[in-house]
C-alpha atoms as a PDB file:
ATOM      1  CA  MET A   1     131.821 137.102 124.107  1.00  0.00           C
ATOM      2  CA  GLU A   2     131.035 139.118 127.212  1.00  0.00           C
ATOM      3  CA  ARG A   3     127.873 138.381 129.046  1.00  0.00           C
ATOM      4  CA  GLY A   4     125.821 141.170 131.015  1.00  0.00           C
ATOM      5  CA  GLY A   5     122.563 140.196 131.839  1.00  0.00           C
ATOM      6  CA  ASP A   6     120.516 139.122 129.470  1.00  0.00           C
ATOM      7  CA  ASP A   7     122.143 140.941 126.362  1.00  0.00           C
ATOM      8  CA  ILE A   8     125.318 139.900 124.708  1.00  0.00           C
ATOM      9  CA  ILE A   9     127.997 141.958 123.537  1.00  0.00           C
ATOM     10  CA  ARG A  10     130.994 141.645 121.932  1.00  0.00           C
ATOM     11  CA  LYS A  11     134.043 143.223 122.864  1.00  0.00           C
ATOM     12  CA  GLN A  12     134.394 145.627 120.134  1.00  0.00           C
ATOM     13  CA  GLY A  13     130.754 147.250 120.549  1.00  0.00           C
ATOM     14  CA  ILE A  14     129.418 146.127 116.989  1.00  0.00           C
ATOM     15  CA  ASN A  15     126.946 143.897 118.334  1.00  0.00           C
ATOM     16  CA  TRP A  16     124.096 144.659 120.555  1.00  0.00           C
ATOM     17  CA  THR A  17     121.161 142.014 121.130  1.00  0.00           C
ATOM     18  CA  LYS A  18     118.347 142.429 123.467  1.00  0.00           C
ATOM     19  CA  PRO A  19     116.386 138.974 124.811  1.00  0.00           C
ATOM     20  CA  CYS A  20     113.127 139.980 123.051  1.00  0.00           C
ATOM     21  CA  SER A  21     115.006 139.130 119.501  1.00  0.00           C
ATOM     22  CA  PHE A  22     115.630 142.260 118.561  1.00  0.00           C
ATOM     23  CA  SER A  23     118.886 142.258 117.399  1.00  0.00           C
ATOM     24  CA  VAL A  24     120.471 145.994 116.518  1.00  0.00           C
ATOM     25  CA  HIS A  25     124.425 146.513 115.015  1.00  0.00           C
ATOM     26  CA  ALA A  26     126.256 149.325 116.230  1.00  0.00           C
ATOM     27  CA  ASP A  27     127.874 150.993 118.624  1.00  0.00           C
ATOM     28  CA  ALA A  28     126.594 153.470 121.227  1.00  0.00           C
ATOM     29  CA  LYS A  29     126.869 156.718 118.314  1.00  0.00           C
ATOM     30  CA  VAL A  30     125.345 154.819 115.566  1.00  0.00           C
ATOM     31  CA  ALA A  31     123.114 152.013 115.463  1.00  0.00           C
ATOM     32  CA  ILE A  32     122.252 150.519 111.429  1.00  0.00           C
ATOM     33  CA  GLU A  33     119.279 147.992 111.080  1.00  0.00           C
ATOM     34  CA  ILE A  34     118.887 146.451 108.234  1.00  0.00           C
ATOM     35  CA  LYS A  35     115.550 145.373 106.744  1.00  0.00           C
ATOM     36  CA  SER A  36     114.600 143.895 103.390  1.00  0.00           C
ATOM     37  CA  SER A  37     111.293 145.653 103.658  1.00  0.00           C
ATOM     38  CA  GLU A  38     110.254 147.594 100.328  1.00  0.00           C
ATOM     39  CA  GLU A  39     107.948 149.575 102.677  1.00  0.00           C
ATOM     40  CA  VAL A  40     108.888 150.259 106.099  1.00  0.00           C
ATOM     41  CA  LYS A  41     106.368 150.136 109.249  1.00  0.00           C
ATOM     42  CA  THR A  42     106.022 150.957 112.628  1.00  0.00           C
ATOM     43  CA  LYS A  43     107.072 147.280 113.623  1.00  0.00           C
ATOM     44  CA  HIS A  44     110.222 147.731 111.830  1.00  0.00           C
ATOM     45  CA  LYS A  45     111.787 150.368 113.865  1.00  0.00           C
ATOM     46  CA  ALA A  46     111.105 148.480 117.009  1.00  0.00           C
ATOM     47  CA  GLY A  47     115.073 147.313 117.486  1.00  0.00           C
ATOM     48  CA  LEU A  48     116.056 150.967 116.684  1.00  0.00           C
ATOM     49  CA  LYS A  49     113.608 152.037 119.894  1.00  0.00           C
ATOM     50  CA  ALA A  50     114.784 149.399 122.000  1.00  0.00           C
ATOM     51  CA  PHE A  51     118.141 150.953 121.358  1.00  0.00           C
ATOM     52  CA  LYS A  52     117.357 153.972 122.143  1.00  0.00           C
ATOM     53  CA  GLU A  53     116.764 153.318 125.671  1.00  0.00           C
ATOM     54  CA  GLU A  54     119.753 152.203 126.060  1.00  0.00           C
ATOM     55  CA  HIS A  55     121.882 154.796 124.086  1.00  0.00           C
ATOM     56  CA  PRO A  56     119.769 157.749 123.837  1.00  0.00           C
ATOM     57  CA  ASN A  57     122.429 159.842 122.269  1.00  0.00           C
ATOM     58  CA  ALA A  58     123.027 157.294 119.535  1.00  0.00           C
ATOM     59  CA  ARG A  59     122.235 158.248 115.552  1.00  0.00           C
ATOM     60  CA  LEU A  60     119.653 155.649 114.223  1.00  0.00           C
ATOM     61  CA  ILE A  61     119.643 154.664 110.775  1.00  0.00           C
ATOM     62  CA  LEU A  62     117.133 151.687 109.352  1.00  0.00           C
ATOM     63  CA  VAL A  63     118.262 150.774 105.842  1.00  0.00           C
ATOM     64  CA  SER A  64     115.378 148.880 103.191  1.00  0.00           C
ATOM     65  CA  LEU A  65     113.980 148.570 100.144  1.00  0.00           C
ATOM     66  CA  ASP A  66     111.835 151.349 100.889  1.00  0.00           C
ATOM     67  CA  PRO A  67     112.457 153.943  97.868  1.00  0.00           C
ATOM     68  CA  ILE A  68     111.931 156.921  99.853  1.00  0.00           C
ATOM     69  CA  THR A  69     114.491 157.956 102.187  1.00  0.00           C
ATOM     70  CA  ARG A  70     112.977 160.419 105.008  1.00  0.00           C
ATOM     71  CA  LEU A  71     113.464 161.113 109.117  1.00  0.00           C
ATOM     72  CA  SER A  72     110.709 159.548 110.944  1.00  0.00           C
ATOM     73  CA  GLU A  73     110.907 160.852 114.154  1.00  0.00           C
ATOM     74  CA  ASP A  74     114.460 160.695 115.299  1.00  0.00           C
ATOM     75  CA  LYS A  75     115.076 157.630 113.070  1.00  0.00           C
ATOM     76  CA  GLU A  76     116.706 158.064 109.775  1.00  0.00           C
ATOM     77  CA  LEU A  77     115.330 155.917 107.423  1.00  0.00           C
ATOM     78  CA  LEU A  78     117.505 155.494 104.297  1.00  0.00           C
ATOM     79  CA  TYR A  79     116.878 153.459 100.914  1.00  0.00           C
ATOM     80  CA  VAL A  80     119.645 151.212 100.628  1.00  0.00           C
ATOM     81  CA  THR A  81     121.493 153.237  97.330  1.00  0.00           C
ATOM     82  CA  ASP A  82     121.395 156.458  99.574  1.00  0.00           C
ATOM     83  CA  PHE A  83     122.588 154.462 102.378  1.00  0.00           C
ATOM     84  CA  PHE A  84     125.811 153.216 100.754  1.00  0.00           C
ATOM     85  CA  GLU A  85     126.214 156.993  99.556  1.00  0.00           C
ATOM     86  CA  MET A  86     126.284 158.266 102.449  1.00  0.00           C
ATOM     87  CA  LEU A  87     128.576 155.799 103.418  1.00  0.00           C
ATOM     88  CA  TRP A  88     131.014 156.001 100.716  1.00  0.00           C
ATOM     89  CA  ALA A  89     131.089 159.776 101.202  1.00  0.00           C
ATOM     90  CA  GLY A  90     131.653 159.057 105.060  1.00  0.00           C
ATOM     91  CA  LYS A  91     128.695 160.498 106.408  1.00  0.00           C
ATOM     92  CA  VAL A  92     127.672 158.005 108.212  1.00  0.00           C
ATOM     93  CA  PHE A  93     130.089 157.924 110.695  1.00  0.00           C
END
């Protein structure tokens, strides 16, 4: 692993962790955060918001058990099965 300030970044660009305990698994093009919540709230989107500060052009995806797939500002909130359908269809990357 490489250390840059307080952030930890794997050489492959797959894991990004802020010192404030947000963990977002992504590269600089797509950030995907997984939550077990059945109702996405503002606090669940904080990691993606922090990621967006350093990667303003990244696509932001939050996958959860919330059954309503929708767009919230610049974040795609996807129900887990909708996410897998998109992933298998090649619509995520």
